[in-house]
Amino acid sequence: MMRTRPLKVALLGCGVVGSEVARIMTTHADDLAARIGAPVELAGVAVRRPDKVRGGIDPALITTDATALVKRGDIDVVVEVIGGIEPARALITTAFEHGASVVSANKALLAQDGATLYAAAQRHGQDLYYEAAVAGAIPLIRPLRESLAGDKINRVMGIVNGTTNFILDKMDSTGAGYQEALDEATALGYAEADPTADVEGFDAAAKAAILAGIAFHTRVRLDDVYREGMTEVTAADFASARQMGCTIKLLAICERAADGESVTARVHPAMIPLSHPLASVREAYNAVFVEAEAAGQLMFYGPGAGGSPTASAVLGDVVAVCRNRLNEATGPGESAYTQLPVSPMGDVVTRYHISLDVADKPGVLAQVATVFAEHGVSIDTVRQHGRQDGGGEASLVVVTHRAPDAALSGTVEALRKLDTVRGVASIMRVEGE
């Protein structure tokens, strides 16, 4: 039997995502009520600009006082889609204190201070759900927190930023340069006017911190994630990748060390084989590849951003939280029992693709090989060819076996000091093998 008294939802933020959340709550009210077991009522919407016309939302619900809204005491669920650290953090903790559970899409806050939010939710007996914080509409957080809770996850690797994937895909498929591909992404609305958070990897790093924390049951903060942007990727890099049967993606990689005693989280461009499932992810789509001990290899794929996809994830959490409230229960909280240390990037074992401009004369390859040997780095393949324009220079491409990243970085620095090395044209890690 359905409860007649509605569950009340407060919405913080009414931009692209928030307006879609409000629209779906209104247009699908009957379906949501049937799925939850009680009606759901939009009880208030906190915004910064109250005079803006918002179709489909009763103007009487609009307020600029977000704090008063979350303090009302009759609110069951607070949906936070304003982003940023403050005032979002204060509003969420205040919501918990006044008896409301929270659904958030705030990846930056969760990555920086998720432990504080979890603790506040537990202290007040409330839920904290955040499916929309990573990969938009793709069901990912709940499978990691619940479906795979009985398994051991060893690796999570994925494309978690649609803007960068669009840019790299255009560079690969059309031969466009970075700036040309970025301009197209901006014109189509995939890139912000200031794309720094995306192209420099900050957005992906926040998502990597969240994924690593859930996957490995340990606390991983944004500062723990190694980050490298993709603004230096060139058409020449893609040409080299094609010669290896690879493409280039900006990847978020979270993995457990071989001995199980530590974890790592990193974001950087990487070459991956065309045979890998992530290589075929095109345009602005996201995909996450999970490797678990019992389940094996799993891939989650779909639109990773946008108003409707993100709102879909938000409403999925709202339904789950409302069901919990009707049953006087809460869902899974923070699981950080392993307390594993996060290793620095230098300890991570990786492969490198290194392209060198060298003097075209006998003995150069031997000198280069000696540097690799001195740093304990084994060479997998070598390609060398002279320049068509002559000039006494050649191109030397070395692909290494797996080695500690610090050893590979030290190798590159030593190569730069050789008289016969004119320059390092590009350096890129190789993943997915």
Protein backbone atom coordinates (compact mmCIF):
# COMPACT_ATOMS: atom_id res chain seq x y z
CA MET A 1 0.00 0.00 0.00
CA MET A 2 1.40 3.41 -1.00
CA ARG A 3 1.99 6.02 1.67
CA THR A 4 0.01 9.18 0.95
CA ARG A 5 2.24 11.69 2.76
CA PRO A 6 4.89 12.81 0.25
CA LEU A 7 8.62 12.65 0.74
CA LYS A 8 10.00 16.16 0.36
CA VAL A 9 13.01 17.00 -1.79
CA ALA A 10 15.03 20.24 -1.64
CA LEU A 11 17.04 21.12 -4.73
CA LEU A 12 20.24 23.15 -4.38
CA GLY A 13 21.06 24.58 -7.80
CA CYS A 14 18.87 24.85 -10.87
CA GLY A 15 21.29 25.02 -13.77
CA VAL A 16 21.60 22.50 -16.59
CA VAL A 17 21.40 19.48 -14.28
CA GLY A 18 19.16 20.90 -11.58
CA SER A 19 16.50 22.07 -14.04
CA GLU A 20 16.41 18.58 -15.58
CA VAL A 21 16.04 17.01 -12.13
CA ALA A 22 13.07 19.28 -11.44
CA ARG A 23 11.53 18.56 -14.85
CA ILE A 24 11.80 14.77 -14.49
CA MET A 25 10.41 14.90 -10.94
CA THR A 26 7.38 16.75 -12.29
CA THR A 27 6.75 14.87 -15.55
CA HIS A 28 7.40 11.41 -14.08
CA ALA A 29 5.85 12.03 -10.66
CA ASP A 30 3.44 9.09 -10.86
CA ASP A 31 6.12 6.63 -11.97
CA LEU A 32 8.52 7.80 -9.29
CA ALA A 33 5.82 7.45 -6.64
CA ALA A 34 5.04 3.91 -7.80
CA ARG A 35 8.69 2.90 -7.71
CA ILE A 36 9.34 4.45 -4.30
CA GLY A 37 6.07 3.60 -2.58
CA ALA A 38 5.23 7.21 -1.74
CA PRO A 39 4.76 10.50 -3.62
CA VAL A 40 7.83 12.73 -4.03
CA GLU A 41 7.36 16.46 -3.74
CA LEU A 42 9.74 19.22 -4.78
CA ALA A 43 9.62 21.35 -1.65
CA GLY A 44 12.09 24.12 -2.50
CA VAL A 45 14.74 25.21 -5.02
CA ALA A 46 17.73 27.30 -3.93
CA VAL A 47 19.26 29.50 -6.63
CA ARG A 48 21.56 32.50 -6.91
CA ARG A 49 19.44 34.41 -9.46
CA PRO A 50 15.78 34.32 -8.42
CA ASP A 51 14.60 36.54 -11.30
CA LYS A 52 15.61 34.05 -13.99
CA VAL A 53 12.64 32.39 -15.71
CA ARG A 54 12.53 28.66 -14.94
CA GLY A 55 9.83 26.93 -16.89
CA GLY A 56 7.87 24.22 -15.12
CA ILE A 57 8.94 25.27 -11.62
CA ASP A 58 6.48 27.03 -9.31
CA PRO A 59 8.04 30.45 -8.56
CA ALA A 60 6.87 30.05 -4.95
CA LEU A 61 9.47 27.27 -4.53
CA ILE A 62 12.40 29.51 -5.49
CA THR A 63 14.62 30.86 -2.71
CA THR A 64 18.06 32.39 -2.42
CA ASP A 65 18.46 31.20 1.16
CA ALA A 66 19.86 27.70 0.72
CA THR A 67 20.79 27.41 4.39
CA ALA A 68 17.23 28.09 5.55
CA LEU A 69 15.95 25.54 3.03
CA VAL A 70 18.12 22.68 4.30
CA LYS A 71 17.35 23.63 7.93
CA ARG A 72 13.58 23.36 7.53
CA GLY A 73 13.36 20.02 9.30
CA ASP A 74 10.62 18.59 7.05
CA ILE A 75 13.00 17.90 4.14
CA ASP A 76 13.69 14.22 3.49
CA VAL A 77 16.28 14.50 0.72
CA VAL A 78 18.58 17.35 -0.31
CA VAL A 79 19.85 17.22 -3.89
CA GLU A 80 23.08 19.21 -4.24
CA VAL A 81 24.07 20.14 -7.81
CA ILE A 82 25.73 23.52 -7.23
CA GLY A 83 29.29 22.14 -7.29
CA GLY A 84 32.44 23.56 -5.73
CA ILE A 85 33.68 23.20 -2.17
CA GLU A 86 31.82 25.95 -0.31
CA PRO A 87 29.02 26.59 0.37
CA ALA A 88 28.25 23.02 -0.80
CA ARG A 89 30.12 21.36 2.08
CA ALA A 90 28.43 23.49 4.75
CA LEU A 91 25.01 22.98 3.19
CA ILE A 92 25.42 19.20 3.01
CA THR A 93 26.57 18.86 6.62
CA THR A 94 23.76 21.18 7.73
CA ALA A 95 21.27 18.99 5.86
CA PHE A 96 22.50 15.94 7.75
CA GLU A 97 22.22 17.78 11.06
CA HIS A 98 18.58 18.63 10.33
CA GLY A 99 17.51 15.11 9.41
CA ALA A 100 17.86 15.02 5.63
CA SER A 101 19.77 12.56 3.47
CA VAL A 102 21.83 13.94 0.58
CA VAL A 103 22.23 13.14 -3.11
CA SER A 104 25.18 14.97 -4.64
CA ALA A 105 26.89 15.29 -8.02
CA ASN A 106 29.83 17.15 -6.51
CA LYS A 107 32.97 15.27 -7.58
CA ALA A 108 35.37 18.02 -6.45
CA LEU A 109 34.03 18.07 -2.88
CA LEU A 110 33.82 14.28 -2.59
CA ALA A 111 37.39 13.89 -3.86
CA GLN A 112 38.77 16.56 -1.55
CA ASP A 113 36.79 15.95 1.63
CA GLY A 114 34.60 12.89 1.23
CA ALA A 115 35.66 11.53 4.63
CA THR A 116 34.09 14.53 6.41
CA LEU A 117 30.82 14.09 4.53
CA TYR A 118 30.70 10.35 5.22
CA ALA A 119 31.36 10.95 8.91
CA ALA A 120 28.61 13.56 9.14
CA ALA A 121 26.13 11.28 7.36
CA GLN A 122 26.92 8.39 9.70
CA ARG A 123 26.79 10.57 12.80
CA HIS A 124 23.26 11.69 11.98
CA GLY A 125 22.04 8.39 10.53
CA GLN A 126 21.56 9.70 6.99
CA ASP A 127 22.41 8.57 3.45
CA LEU A 128 25.05 10.07 1.16
CA TYR A 129 24.62 9.00 -2.47
CA TYR A 130 26.61 10.38 -5.42
CA GLU A 131 26.21 8.27 -8.55
CA ALA A 132 26.17 11.40 -10.71
CA ALA A 133 29.61 12.53 -9.47
CA VAL A 134 31.44 10.13 -11.80
CA ALA A 135 30.61 9.34 -15.45
CA GLY A 136 27.17 10.94 -15.66
CA ALA A 137 24.40 8.47 -16.44
CA ILE A 138 26.66 5.40 -16.38
CA PRO A 139 25.79 3.16 -13.41
CA LEU A 140 29.21 2.84 -11.82
CA ILE A 141 29.29 3.93 -8.18
CA ARG A 142 26.50 1.59 -7.11
CA PRO A 143 27.98 -1.46 -8.88
CA LEU A 144 31.34 -0.79 -7.20
CA ARG A 145 29.78 -0.13 -3.77
CA GLU A 146 27.16 -2.87 -3.88
CA SER A 147 27.26 -5.34 -6.80
CA LEU A 148 31.00 -5.98 -6.45
CA ALA A 149 31.11 -5.64 -2.66
CA GLY A 150 31.86 -9.35 -2.30
CA ASP A 151 34.70 -9.30 -4.84
CA LYS A 152 38.25 -7.97 -4.85
CA ILE A 153 38.84 -5.21 -7.39
CA ASN A 154 42.41 -4.97 -8.64
CA ARG A 155 42.16 -2.29 -11.31
CA VAL A 156 39.84 0.43 -12.57
CA MET A 157 40.84 2.13 -15.81
CA GLY A 158 38.65 4.46 -17.77
CA ILE A 159 37.80 7.47 -19.88
CA VAL A 160 35.90 9.67 -17.44
CA ASN A 161 35.91 13.03 -19.20
CA GLY A 162 33.89 13.50 -22.37
CA THR A 163 35.57 16.76 -23.44
CA THR A 164 39.05 15.29 -23.60
CA ASN A 165 37.84 12.13 -25.29
CA PHE A 166 36.09 14.21 -27.96
CA ILE A 167 39.25 16.22 -28.62
CA LEU A 168 41.54 13.19 -28.79
CA ASP A 169 39.06 11.29 -30.95
CA LYS A 170 38.94 14.17 -33.46
CA MET A 171 42.74 14.39 -33.52
CA ASP A 172 42.89 10.66 -34.23
CA SER A 173 40.10 10.38 -36.79
CA THR A 174 40.63 13.62 -38.73
CA GLY A 175 44.30 14.45 -38.19
CA ALA A 176 43.36 17.76 -36.56
CA GLY A 177 45.77 19.49 -34.22
CA TYR A 178 44.97 19.99 -30.55
CA GLN A 179 43.78 23.60 -30.87
CA GLU A 180 41.60 22.84 -33.89
CA ALA A 181 39.94 19.92 -32.10
CA LEU A 182 39.45 22.02 -28.96
CA ASP A 183 37.80 24.79 -31.00
CA GLU A 184 35.36 22.27 -32.46
CA ALA A 185 34.59 20.89 -28.99
CA THR A 186 33.91 24.42 -27.75
CA ALA A 187 31.65 25.25 -30.70
CA LEU A 188 29.60 22.10 -30.08
CA GLY A 189 29.27 22.82 -26.36
CA TYR A 190 31.47 19.93 -25.19
CA ALA A 191 34.17 22.25 -23.83
CA GLU A 192 33.76 25.19 -21.46
CA ALA A 193 35.02 28.66 -22.35
CA ASP A 194 37.85 27.87 -19.92
CA PRO A 195 38.59 24.16 -20.54
CA THR A 196 41.44 23.93 -18.01
CA ALA A 197 39.66 21.60 -15.58
CA ASP A 198 39.08 19.12 -18.39
CA VAL A 199 42.18 19.28 -20.58
CA GLU A 200 44.63 19.50 -17.67
CA GLY A 201 43.07 16.45 -16.03
CA PHE A 202 41.65 18.05 -12.85
CA ASP A 203 38.12 16.76 -13.52
CA ALA A 204 39.34 13.24 -14.24
CA ALA A 205 41.63 13.28 -11.20
CA ALA A 206 38.71 14.03 -8.86
CA LYS A 207 36.78 11.12 -10.34
CA ALA A 208 39.84 8.86 -10.03
CA ALA A 209 40.09 9.67 -6.32
CA ILE A 210 36.44 8.71 -5.80
CA LEU A 211 36.75 5.48 -7.81
CA ALA A 212 39.97 4.41 -6.08
CA GLY A 213 38.48 5.00 -2.64
CA ILE A 214 35.46 2.84 -3.39
CA ALA A 215 37.29 0.12 -5.31
CA PHE A 216 40.05 -0.41 -2.75
CA HIS A 217 38.18 0.42 0.48
CA THR A 218 40.72 3.05 1.43
CA ARG A 219 40.76 6.84 1.59
CA VAL A 220 42.14 8.45 -1.55
CA ARG A 221 42.06 12.22 -1.79
CA LEU A 222 42.49 14.45 -4.80
CA ASP A 223 46.03 15.34 -3.69
CA ASP A 224 46.94 11.64 -3.85
CA VAL A 225 46.19 11.42 -7.58
CA TYR A 226 49.03 11.94 -10.07
CA ARG A 227 47.76 14.25 -12.81
CA GLU A 228 49.04 15.05 -16.29
CA GLY A 229 47.03 16.95 -18.91
CA MET A 230 46.73 16.25 -22.62
CA THR A 231 47.51 19.65 -24.12
CA GLU A 232 50.94 18.48 -25.32
CA VAL A 233 49.58 15.55 -27.36
CA THR A 234 50.37 16.11 -31.04
CA ALA A 235 49.47 14.70 -34.44
CA ALA A 236 52.94 13.12 -34.47
CA ASP A 237 52.05 11.22 -31.29
CA PHE A 238 49.00 9.79 -33.01
CA ALA A 239 51.11 8.81 -36.01
CA SER A 240 53.47 6.94 -33.68
CA ALA A 241 50.52 5.31 -31.94
CA ARG A 242 49.11 4.09 -35.24
CA GLN A 243 52.46 2.51 -36.11
CA MET A 244 52.14 0.51 -32.89
CA GLY A 245 48.50 -0.43 -33.53
CA CYS A 246 47.39 1.96 -30.78
CA THR A 247 45.41 5.12 -30.18
CA ILE A 248 45.72 7.76 -27.44
CA LYS A 249 43.26 8.37 -24.61
CA LEU A 250 43.33 10.43 -21.42
CA LEU A 251 42.96 7.68 -18.83
CA ALA A 252 42.12 7.58 -15.15
CA ILE A 253 43.88 4.52 -13.74
CA CYS A 254 43.42 3.18 -10.21
CA GLU A 255 45.20 -0.04 -9.31
CA ARG A 256 46.20 -2.22 -6.43
CA ALA A 257 49.92 -3.03 -6.17
CA ALA A 258 50.95 -6.59 -7.06
CA ASP A 259 51.69 -7.34 -3.39
CA GLY A 260 48.34 -5.87 -2.32
CA GLU A 261 50.02 -3.55 0.19
CA SER A 262 49.36 -0.21 -1.54
CA VAL A 263 47.29 1.46 -4.24
CA THR A 264 47.89 4.09 -6.90
CA ALA A 265 45.66 6.59 -8.71
CA ARG A 266 46.75 8.55 -11.76
CA VAL A 267 45.46 10.50 -14.74
CA HIS A 268 47.52 10.98 -17.91
CA PRO A 269 47.44 10.47 -21.68
CA ALA A 270 48.42 6.98 -22.74
CA MET A 271 48.69 4.82 -25.82
CA ILE A 272 46.36 1.82 -25.71
CA PRO A 273 46.09 -1.01 -28.26
CA LEU A 274 43.25 -0.77 -30.75
CA SER A 275 42.18 -4.20 -29.55
CA HIS A 276 41.39 -2.85 -26.06
CA PRO A 277 37.67 -2.05 -25.47
CA LEU A 278 38.50 1.52 -24.37
CA ALA A 279 40.14 2.26 -27.74
CA SER A 280 36.75 2.20 -29.49
CA VAL A 281 35.13 4.78 -27.19
CA ARG A 282 34.39 7.70 -29.50
CA GLU A 283 33.22 11.30 -29.36
CA ALA A 284 32.27 12.59 -25.88
CA TYR A 285 31.39 9.19 -24.43
CA ASN A 286 32.83 7.75 -21.23
CA ALA A 287 33.76 4.17 -20.40
CA VAL A 288 35.27 2.48 -17.36
CA PHE A 289 37.01 -0.90 -17.45
CA VAL A 290 37.01 -2.82 -14.16
CA GLU A 291 39.16 -5.85 -13.40
CA ALA A 292 37.94 -7.92 -10.44
CA GLU A 293 39.29 -11.17 -9.05
CA ALA A 294 36.10 -13.23 -9.34
CA ALA A 295 33.97 -11.26 -11.82
CA GLY A 296 36.84 -10.81 -14.28
CA GLN A 297 36.74 -7.91 -16.74
CA LEU A 298 33.72 -5.60 -16.83
CA MET A 299 33.11 -2.47 -18.86
CA PHE A 300 30.62 0.33 -18.20
CA TYR A 301 29.89 2.62 -21.16
CA GLY A 302 27.64 5.57 -21.95
CA PRO A 303 27.21 9.36 -21.94
CA GLY A 304 29.33 10.82 -19.16
CA ALA A 305 27.89 14.33 -18.92
CA GLY A 306 24.99 16.56 -19.92
CA GLY A 307 21.82 17.68 -18.20
CA SER A 308 19.56 14.70 -18.90
CA PRO A 309 22.14 11.90 -18.39
CA THR A 310 23.38 13.40 -15.13
CA ALA A 311 19.83 14.05 -13.93
CA SER A 312 19.05 10.40 -14.61
CA ALA A 313 21.81 9.36 -12.21
CA VAL A 314 20.65 11.91 -9.62
CA LEU A 315 17.04 10.66 -9.75
CA GLY A 316 18.22 7.07 -9.45
CA ASP A 317 19.87 8.03 -6.18
CA VAL A 318 16.77 9.95 -5.05
CA VAL A 319 14.65 6.83 -5.56
CA ALA A 320 17.15 4.69 -3.60
CA VAL A 321 17.37 7.16 -0.73
CA CYS A 322 13.61 7.61 -0.54
CA ARG A 323 13.13 3.84 -0.39
CA ASN A 324 15.63 3.70 2.46
CA ARG A 325 13.72 6.36 4.38
CA LEU A 326 10.46 4.51 4.00
CA ASN A 327 12.14 1.39 5.38
CA GLU A 328 13.85 3.42 8.13
CA ALA A 329 17.22 2.22 6.89
CA THR A 330 20.33 3.64 5.27
CA GLY A 331 22.45 2.42 2.39
CA PRO A 332 26.20 1.73 2.34
CA GLY A 333 28.44 4.33 3.92
CA GLU A 334 32.18 4.80 3.70
CA SER A 335 34.24 1.62 3.45
CA ALA A 336 37.86 2.50 4.25
CA TYR A 337 38.81 -0.43 6.44
CA THR A 338 41.94 -1.37 4.47
CA GLN A 339 43.69 1.99 5.08
CA LEU A 340 46.18 1.18 2.32
CA PRO A 341 48.86 3.79 1.56
CA VAL A 342 48.76 5.55 -1.80
CA SER A 343 52.10 5.10 -3.57
CA PRO A 344 53.70 8.02 -5.45
CA MET A 345 53.86 7.95 -9.23
CA GLY A 346 57.55 7.11 -9.18
CA ASP A 347 56.76 3.69 -7.73
CA VAL A 348 54.19 2.84 -10.40
CA VAL A 349 55.33 0.23 -12.92
CA THR A 350 54.63 1.46 -16.46
CA ARG A 351 55.80 1.25 -20.05
CA TYR A 352 57.10 4.22 -22.06
CA HIS A 353 57.02 5.16 -25.72
CA ILE A 354 59.91 7.60 -26.25
CA SER A 355 60.61 9.41 -29.52
CA LEU A 356 64.08 10.96 -29.84
CA ASP A 357 65.70 13.23 -32.41
CA VAL A 358 69.26 11.96 -32.69
CA ALA A 359 72.39 12.46 -34.76
CA ASP A 360 72.32 10.21 -37.82
CA LYS A 361 75.65 8.47 -37.34
CA PRO A 362 77.00 5.10 -36.18
CA GLY A 363 77.03 4.33 -32.46
CA VAL A 364 74.03 6.43 -31.45
CA LEU A 365 71.78 3.44 -30.79
CA ALA A 366 74.48 1.83 -28.65
CA GLN A 367 74.78 5.01 -26.54
CA VAL A 368 71.03 5.20 -26.07
CA ALA A 369 70.80 1.51 -25.16
CA THR A 370 73.58 1.97 -22.59
CA VAL A 371 71.60 4.72 -20.83
CA PHE A 372 68.56 2.46 -20.58
CA ALA A 373 70.69 -0.36 -19.19
CA GLU A 374 72.35 1.90 -16.62
CA HIS A 375 68.88 2.81 -15.26
CA GLY A 376 67.68 -0.78 -15.18
CA VAL A 377 65.10 -0.30 -17.94
CA SER A 378 64.68 -3.06 -20.51
CA ILE A 379 63.92 -2.13 -24.14
CA ASP A 380 61.06 -3.88 -25.92
CA THR A 381 61.32 -2.47 -29.45
CA VAL A 382 63.39 0.12 -31.34
CA ARG A 383 62.67 1.88 -34.63
CA GLN A 384 65.15 4.21 -36.29
CA HIS A 385 64.92 5.99 -39.62
CA GLY A 386 66.68 8.92 -41.20
CA ARG A 387 64.93 12.17 -41.96
CA GLN A 388 63.78 12.64 -45.54
CA ASP A 389 65.09 16.17 -45.51
CA GLY A 390 68.55 14.99 -44.52
CA GLY A 391 70.32 17.38 -42.17
CA GLY A 392 72.26 14.68 -40.35
CA GLU A 393 69.44 13.78 -37.98
CA ALA A 394 67.35 10.67 -37.48
CA SER A 395 64.27 9.70 -35.52
CA LEU A 396 64.69 6.99 -32.90
CA VAL A 397 61.61 5.49 -31.23
CA VAL A 398 62.05 3.26 -28.17
CA VAL A 399 59.29 1.30 -26.45
CA THR A 400 60.26 -0.07 -23.06
CA HIS A 401 59.22 -3.04 -21.02
CA ARG A 402 57.45 -2.28 -17.73
CA ALA A 403 59.62 -0.57 -15.12
CA PRO A 404 59.19 1.81 -12.17
CA ASP A 405 58.15 5.23 -13.45
CA ALA A 406 60.99 6.88 -11.54
CA ALA A 407 63.53 4.75 -13.43
CA LEU A 408 61.92 5.67 -16.74
CA SER A 409 61.91 9.37 -15.86
CA GLY A 410 65.56 9.15 -14.85
CA THR A 411 66.35 7.47 -18.15
CA VAL A 412 64.76 10.30 -20.11
CA GLU A 413 66.70 12.92 -18.16
CA ALA A 414 69.95 11.07 -18.84
CA LEU A 415 69.12 10.80 -22.55
CA ARG A 416 68.69 14.57 -22.75
CA LYS A 417 72.30 14.98 -21.67
CA LEU A 418 73.76 12.90 -24.51
CA ASP A 419 75.51 14.96 -27.18
CA THR A 420 74.04 12.74 -29.87
CA VAL A 421 70.44 13.33 -28.71
CA ARG A 422 69.16 16.54 -30.27
CA GLY A 423 65.86 16.47 -28.41
CA VAL A 424 63.06 14.39 -26.94
CA ALA A 425 60.18 14.72 -29.40
CA SER A 426 57.59 12.97 -27.22
CA ILE A 427 57.16 10.74 -24.20
CA MET A 428 54.00 8.77 -23.54
CA ARG A 429 53.03 5.86 -21.35
CA VAL A 430 51.63 2.68 -22.87
CA GLU A 431 48.70 1.01 -21.09
CA GLY A 432 46.12 -1.69 -21.57
CA GLU A 433 48.40 -4.61 -22.37
